[in-house]
Amino acid sequence: FIFTLGGWVIKNSAMDLLARLAADGLINGDGGSGSAGDARTRRNIVLVGVTGDGKSSTGNTMCGSTAFKVSSGFKSETQECAHVDYIRASESGVVPWRVIDTVGLHDTDLSQGEVLDRFSFFADRAAEGIDAFLFVVRWGRFKPEHDAALSSFVSNCGEAVLRHTILVFTNCAASMDEVSRCVAEDAPSTLRTWLPLLQGFVGIDNELNPESARCAVHEALERLHAANHGLRYSNEVLQEARRKQANVEEAERAAFQAAVADWRRASGPVTIVREDGVVTRPAVGGPSVAEASGVLAPVTKMD
């Protein structure tokens, strides 16, 4: 059990506080992290991203604890979904939160299909729906794999997920004004394509300034919650998106198998289109394709 108040984090230290919160229904009777608060009022947050960009570290910053194992290399420490519950006091009152860590997209040890299957298990941790997704990217490092990971994320969860997604830049010591300026002036074209579809961005530094990072992330989440009027991303939307994606993949497999079958049967002629100005010559010392097949090749006259 973790309780955050402003910039302070209180962990398992006040039995009277635990008893009061349990009496109010904000935590279960033993103060454990298994079920903080009524699921209907709890804010459910899912961490998304590629391995090594600070996904788990951001989760630890949010709850003020080292609840999630952090990757120090190319291999993801998060092989299955994990979560931690905590409560946070704000101007709107004491709110229970659940942050869910997921397997790194493009994990080096798993096939892409298995990654997406494991990633989707976040739904089991929040049957009542998801309030927000935090797509975590290391500051200054939006590469093709991040673009591909975002595409996989949307293909797996449906375009509706973008209404609930915030971009989080980690290892970012710059102010929000500096981050906004850099994004506007220097962001790669792939990132510029995604930005209008996402619900804003925030820059944080989990190591140098965790308290400021904690506040910045929760403020962004509060703004998103207000903008969406509390509407959640539902598991039904996830199931429908996964069904559509499975249908697309099945259609692609069927089309590929049909193309291979046609090729094996040699059904229909093979058409080769030659670009203007290109002249094909046989290999030096060997017969041309036409000669090898017993067909008289036309002579190309060159000026």
Protein backbone atom coordinates (compact mmCIF):
# COMPACT_ATOMS: atom_id res chain seq x y z
CA PHE A 1 0.00 0.00 0.00
CA ILE A 2 1.29 3.45 -0.96
CA PHE A 3 -0.13 6.84 -0.13
CA THR A 4 1.10 10.02 -1.79
CA LEU A 5 0.36 13.49 -0.49
CA GLY A 6 1.70 16.34 -2.57
CA GLY A 7 5.37 15.54 -3.09
CA TRP A 8 5.53 13.20 -0.08
CA VAL A 9 5.19 9.44 -0.18
CA ILE A 10 4.00 7.54 2.91
CA LYS A 11 4.46 3.75 2.87
CA ASN A 12 2.97 1.42 5.45
CA SER A 13 3.77 3.84 8.26
CA ALA A 14 0.48 4.94 9.84
CA MET A 15 -1.91 2.28 11.07
CA ASP A 16 -4.55 4.84 11.96
CA LEU A 17 -4.36 6.19 8.41
CA LEU A 18 -4.78 2.68 7.01
CA ALA A 19 -7.75 2.02 9.26
CA ARG A 20 -9.39 5.31 8.25
CA LEU A 21 -8.87 4.65 4.54
CA ALA A 22 -10.17 1.10 4.89
CA ALA A 23 -13.25 2.39 6.69
CA ASP A 24 -13.84 4.79 3.81
CA GLY A 25 -13.54 1.91 1.32
CA LEU A 26 -10.43 3.30 -0.32
CA ILE A 27 -8.34 0.19 0.40
CA ASN A 28 -8.98 -3.37 1.45
CA GLY A 29 -8.89 -4.31 5.10
CA ASP A 30 -5.22 -5.31 5.30
CA GLY A 31 -3.95 -2.28 3.37
CA GLY A 32 -2.48 -4.46 0.65
CA SER A 33 -1.84 -3.28 -2.87
CA GLY A 34 -4.17 -5.83 -4.43
CA SER A 35 -7.32 -3.70 -4.47
CA ALA A 36 -6.92 -0.05 -3.63
CA GLY A 37 -10.32 1.57 -3.68
CA ASP A 38 -13.59 0.95 -5.42
CA ALA A 39 -12.88 -0.18 -8.98
CA ARG A 40 -15.55 2.22 -10.22
CA THR A 41 -13.71 5.26 -8.88
CA ARG A 42 -10.14 4.00 -9.29
CA ARG A 43 -8.09 5.52 -12.12
CA ASN A 44 -6.53 2.79 -14.26
CA ILE A 45 -3.37 3.71 -16.16
CA VAL A 46 -1.45 1.49 -18.62
CA LEU A 47 2.24 1.99 -19.43
CA VAL A 48 3.16 1.34 -23.07
CA GLY A 49 6.45 1.54 -24.97
CA VAL A 50 9.49 -0.24 -26.32
CA THR A 51 12.04 -1.91 -24.07
CA GLY A 52 14.54 0.36 -22.35
CA ASP A 53 12.78 3.73 -22.63
CA GLY A 54 11.72 4.04 -19.00
CA LYS A 55 8.29 2.45 -18.89
CA SER A 56 8.76 0.68 -15.56
CA SER A 57 10.72 3.60 -14.09
CA THR A 58 7.79 5.88 -14.88
CA GLY A 59 5.46 3.48 -13.07
CA ASN A 60 7.75 3.57 -10.04
CA THR A 61 7.78 7.36 -10.13
CA MET A 62 3.99 7.51 -10.27
CA CYS A 63 3.47 5.36 -7.20
CA GLY A 64 6.58 6.51 -5.35
CA SER A 65 8.01 3.02 -4.94
CA THR A 66 10.30 0.52 -6.65
CA ALA A 67 7.36 -1.75 -7.36
CA PHE A 68 8.39 -2.59 -10.95
CA LYS A 69 11.67 -4.15 -12.06
CA VAL A 70 13.61 -1.84 -14.34
CA SER A 71 15.40 -3.00 -17.51
CA SER A 72 19.06 -2.04 -17.77
CA GLY A 73 19.64 -3.31 -21.30
CA PHE A 74 17.97 -4.61 -24.43
CA LYS A 75 15.98 -7.32 -22.66
CA SER A 76 12.66 -6.35 -21.11
CA GLU A 77 12.29 -7.03 -17.39
CA THR A 78 8.51 -6.97 -17.84
CA GLN A 79 7.59 -10.27 -19.46
CA GLU A 80 4.02 -10.24 -18.16
CA CYS A 81 1.62 -7.50 -17.08
CA ALA A 82 2.09 -6.30 -13.51
CA HIS A 83 0.34 -3.63 -11.47
CA VAL A 84 0.56 -1.63 -8.28
CA ASP A 85 -2.22 0.22 -6.47
CA TYR A 86 -1.78 3.48 -4.63
CA ILE A 87 -3.85 6.46 -3.54
CA ARG A 88 -3.05 10.10 -4.10
CA ALA A 89 -4.38 13.20 -2.41
CA SER A 90 -5.16 16.13 -4.68
CA GLU A 91 -7.42 19.17 -4.78
CA SER A 92 -10.27 16.93 -5.90
CA GLY A 93 -9.80 14.65 -2.88
CA VAL A 94 -8.16 11.29 -2.23
CA VAL A 95 -8.19 9.20 -5.42
CA PRO A 96 -7.20 5.52 -5.77
CA TRP A 97 -4.96 4.70 -8.73
CA ARG A 98 -3.78 1.52 -10.43
CA VAL A 99 -0.78 1.67 -12.76
CA ILE A 100 -0.27 -1.35 -15.02
CA ASP A 101 3.11 -2.16 -16.56
CA THR A 102 3.13 -4.13 -19.82
CA VAL A 103 5.65 -6.12 -21.83
CA GLY A 104 7.90 -3.96 -23.99
CA LEU A 105 6.64 -3.70 -27.55
CA HIS A 106 9.25 -5.15 -29.93
CA ASP A 107 10.66 -7.22 -27.06
CA THR A 108 13.85 -8.93 -28.23
CA ASP A 109 12.99 -12.36 -26.79
CA LEU A 110 9.42 -12.76 -28.10
CA SER A 111 7.69 -12.90 -31.45
CA GLN A 112 5.58 -9.85 -32.30
CA GLY A 113 2.41 -11.92 -32.08
CA GLU A 114 3.31 -13.14 -28.59
CA VAL A 115 4.22 -9.60 -27.52
CA LEU A 116 0.79 -8.30 -28.53
CA ASP A 117 -0.94 -11.23 -26.87
CA ARG A 118 0.88 -10.59 -23.59
CA PHE A 119 0.43 -6.84 -23.91
CA SER A 120 -3.34 -7.25 -24.14
CA PHE A 121 -3.44 -8.90 -20.73
CA PHE A 122 -3.68 -5.41 -19.22
CA ALA A 123 -7.44 -5.81 -19.67
CA ASP A 124 -7.44 -8.53 -17.01
CA ARG A 125 -6.08 -6.01 -14.49
CA ALA A 126 -8.85 -3.48 -15.11
CA ALA A 127 -12.11 -5.11 -16.14
CA GLU A 128 -13.93 -1.79 -15.68
CA GLY A 129 -11.82 -0.08 -18.36
CA ILE A 130 -8.73 2.11 -18.78
CA ASP A 131 -8.60 5.82 -18.05
CA ALA A 132 -5.32 6.52 -19.84
CA PHE A 133 -2.39 4.98 -21.66
CA LEU A 134 1.07 6.49 -21.24
CA PHE A 135 3.23 5.84 -24.29
CA VAL A 136 6.77 6.23 -22.99
CA VAL A 137 9.63 7.39 -25.26
CA ARG A 138 13.13 8.41 -24.28
CA TRP A 139 13.61 12.12 -25.00
CA GLY A 140 15.26 12.80 -28.36
CA ARG A 141 14.95 9.19 -29.46
CA PHE A 142 11.82 8.79 -31.59
CA LYS A 143 13.11 6.18 -34.04
CA PRO A 144 11.47 3.87 -36.61
CA GLU A 145 10.89 1.24 -33.91
CA HIS A 146 8.84 3.78 -31.92
CA ASP A 147 6.76 4.58 -34.98
CA ALA A 148 6.26 0.85 -35.55
CA ALA A 149 5.40 0.30 -31.88
CA LEU A 150 2.74 3.01 -31.99
CA SER A 151 1.31 1.46 -35.15
CA SER A 152 1.19 -1.97 -33.48
CA PHE A 153 -0.40 -0.42 -30.41
CA VAL A 154 -3.19 1.14 -32.48
CA SER A 155 -3.67 -1.96 -34.65
CA ASN A 156 -4.01 -4.08 -31.53
CA CYS A 157 -6.27 -1.72 -29.56
CA GLY A 158 -8.13 0.24 -32.24
CA GLU A 159 -8.01 3.93 -33.12
CA ALA A 160 -10.25 4.73 -30.14
CA VAL A 161 -7.23 4.14 -27.89
CA LEU A 162 -5.65 7.38 -29.15
CA ARG A 163 -8.32 9.41 -27.34
CA HIS A 164 -6.84 8.11 -24.09
CA THR A 165 -3.10 8.22 -24.89
CA ILE A 166 -0.49 10.69 -23.64
CA LEU A 167 3.11 10.74 -24.85
CA VAL A 168 5.66 10.74 -22.01
CA PHE A 169 9.25 11.76 -22.77
CA THR A 170 11.62 10.29 -20.18
CA ASN A 171 15.18 11.39 -19.33
CA CYS A 172 14.01 14.89 -20.14
CA ALA A 173 15.35 17.66 -17.89
CA ALA A 174 14.00 20.43 -20.13
CA SER A 175 11.10 22.64 -19.10
CA MET A 176 7.72 22.14 -20.76
CA ASP A 177 8.27 25.33 -22.78
CA GLU A 178 11.56 23.94 -24.07
CA VAL A 179 9.99 20.56 -24.78
CA SER A 180 7.15 22.20 -26.71
CA ARG A 181 9.60 24.30 -28.73
CA CYS A 182 11.82 21.32 -29.57
CA VAL A 183 8.83 19.21 -30.57
CA ALA A 184 7.51 22.01 -32.80
CA GLU A 185 10.87 22.69 -34.46
CA ASP A 186 12.86 19.47 -34.41
CA ALA A 187 10.47 16.51 -34.18
CA PRO A 188 10.91 13.92 -36.97
CA SER A 189 8.14 13.65 -39.53
CA THR A 190 6.94 10.34 -38.08
CA LEU A 191 6.40 11.92 -34.67
CA ARG A 192 4.69 14.95 -36.22
CA THR A 193 2.20 12.57 -37.83
CA TRP A 194 1.24 11.09 -34.47
CA LEU A 195 1.10 14.24 -32.34
CA PRO A 196 -2.32 15.52 -33.56
CA LEU A 197 -3.81 12.10 -32.76
CA LEU A 198 -2.43 11.90 -29.22
CA GLN A 199 -3.74 13.76 -26.18
CA GLY A 200 -0.66 15.84 -25.48
CA PHE A 201 2.81 15.13 -24.15
CA VAL A 202 4.87 15.69 -21.03
CA GLY A 203 8.61 15.60 -20.36
CA ILE A 204 9.92 14.08 -17.11
CA ASP A 205 13.14 12.92 -15.49
CA ASN A 206 12.53 9.89 -13.28
CA GLU A 207 16.05 9.87 -11.84
CA LEU A 208 16.99 13.50 -11.27
CA ASN A 209 13.61 14.91 -10.26
CA PRO A 210 11.07 12.17 -9.43
CA GLU A 211 8.80 14.42 -7.35
CA SER A 212 8.41 16.92 -10.18
CA ALA A 213 7.92 14.03 -12.61
CA ARG A 214 5.22 12.51 -10.40
CA CYS A 215 3.30 15.78 -10.27
CA ALA A 216 3.69 16.44 -14.01
CA VAL A 217 2.36 13.01 -15.00
CA HIS A 218 -0.63 13.19 -12.64
CA GLU A 219 -1.49 16.71 -13.77
CA ALA A 220 -1.50 15.52 -17.39
CA LEU A 221 -3.69 12.56 -16.39
CA GLU A 222 -6.13 14.84 -14.56
CA ARG A 223 -6.42 17.07 -17.64
CA LEU A 224 -7.11 14.05 -19.85
CA HIS A 225 -9.69 12.68 -17.41
CA ALA A 226 -11.52 16.03 -17.44
CA ALA A 227 -11.33 16.32 -21.24
CA ASN A 228 -12.81 12.82 -21.67
CA HIS A 229 -15.47 13.51 -19.01
CA GLY A 230 -14.41 10.33 -17.23
CA LEU A 231 -15.08 8.16 -20.28
CA ARG A 232 -12.87 5.07 -20.29
CA TYR A 233 -11.38 2.87 -22.95
CA SER A 234 -13.37 -0.34 -22.57
CA ASN A 235 -12.39 -3.97 -22.82
CA GLU A 236 -15.16 -4.42 -25.39
CA VAL A 237 -13.33 -1.99 -27.68
CA LEU A 238 -10.12 -3.97 -27.18
CA GLN A 239 -11.84 -7.26 -28.00
CA GLU A 240 -13.39 -5.81 -31.15
CA ALA A 241 -10.07 -4.32 -32.27
CA ARG A 242 -8.28 -7.63 -31.70
CA ARG A 243 -11.01 -9.49 -33.63
CA LYS A 244 -10.60 -7.12 -36.60
CA GLN A 245 -6.81 -7.43 -36.47
CA ALA A 246 -7.08 -11.23 -36.41
CA ASN A 247 -9.35 -11.09 -39.48
CA VAL A 248 -6.85 -8.86 -41.31
CA GLU A 249 -3.97 -11.21 -40.49
CA GLU A 250 -6.00 -14.23 -41.59
CA ALA A 251 -6.88 -12.52 -44.89
CA GLU A 252 -3.20 -11.69 -45.47
CA ARG A 253 -2.19 -15.29 -44.80
CA ALA A 254 -4.87 -16.57 -47.19
CA ALA A 255 -3.79 -14.13 -49.92
CA PHE A 256 -0.15 -15.13 -49.52
CA GLN A 257 -1.00 -18.85 -49.67
CA ALA A 258 -3.11 -18.27 -52.78
CA ALA A 259 -0.26 -16.37 -54.45
CA VAL A 260 2.18 -19.18 -53.65
CA ALA A 261 -0.27 -21.76 -55.01
CA ASP A 262 -0.69 -19.77 -58.26
CA TRP A 263 3.07 -19.50 -58.63
CA ARG A 264 3.50 -23.25 -58.13
CA ARG A 265 0.86 -24.00 -60.75
CA ALA A 266 2.45 -21.42 -63.06
CA SER A 267 -1.02 -20.17 -63.84
CA GLY A 268 -0.90 -17.21 -66.19
CA PRO A 269 2.06 -15.50 -67.85
CA VAL A 270 4.75 -13.67 -65.94
CA THR A 271 5.00 -10.07 -67.12
CA ILE A 272 8.32 -8.23 -66.93
CA VAL A 273 8.22 -4.50 -67.41
CA ARG A 274 11.43 -2.88 -68.63
CA GLU A 275 12.12 0.72 -67.76
CA ASP A 276 12.70 3.14 -70.63
CA GLY A 277 16.32 3.31 -71.72
CA VAL A 278 17.32 0.05 -70.02
CA VAL A 279 18.82 -2.65 -72.23
CA THR A 280 19.15 -6.18 -70.89
CA ARG A 281 22.22 -8.13 -72.00
CA PRO A 282 23.15 -11.76 -71.34
CA ALA A 283 25.89 -12.49 -68.84
CA VAL A 284 29.38 -12.46 -70.28
CA GLY A 285 30.35 -15.91 -71.52
CA GLY A 286 26.90 -17.39 -71.03
CA PRO A 287 23.66 -17.77 -73.02
CA SER A 288 20.82 -15.32 -72.73
CA VAL A 289 17.60 -16.28 -70.98
CA ALA A 290 15.88 -16.52 -74.34
CA GLU A 291 18.61 -18.68 -75.87
CA ALA A 292 18.61 -20.97 -72.86
CA SER A 293 14.88 -21.48 -73.26
CA GLY A 294 15.12 -22.12 -77.01
CA VAL A 295 13.33 -18.90 -77.95
CA LEU A 296 14.81 -16.55 -80.53
CA ALA A 297 15.39 -13.23 -78.86
CA PRO A 298 14.69 -10.01 -80.76
CA VAL A 299 17.69 -7.90 -81.69
CA THR A 300 17.77 -4.44 -80.11
CA LYS A 301 19.32 -1.89 -82.38
CA MET A 302 21.24 0.84 -80.58
CA ASP A 303 22.20 4.18 -82.10
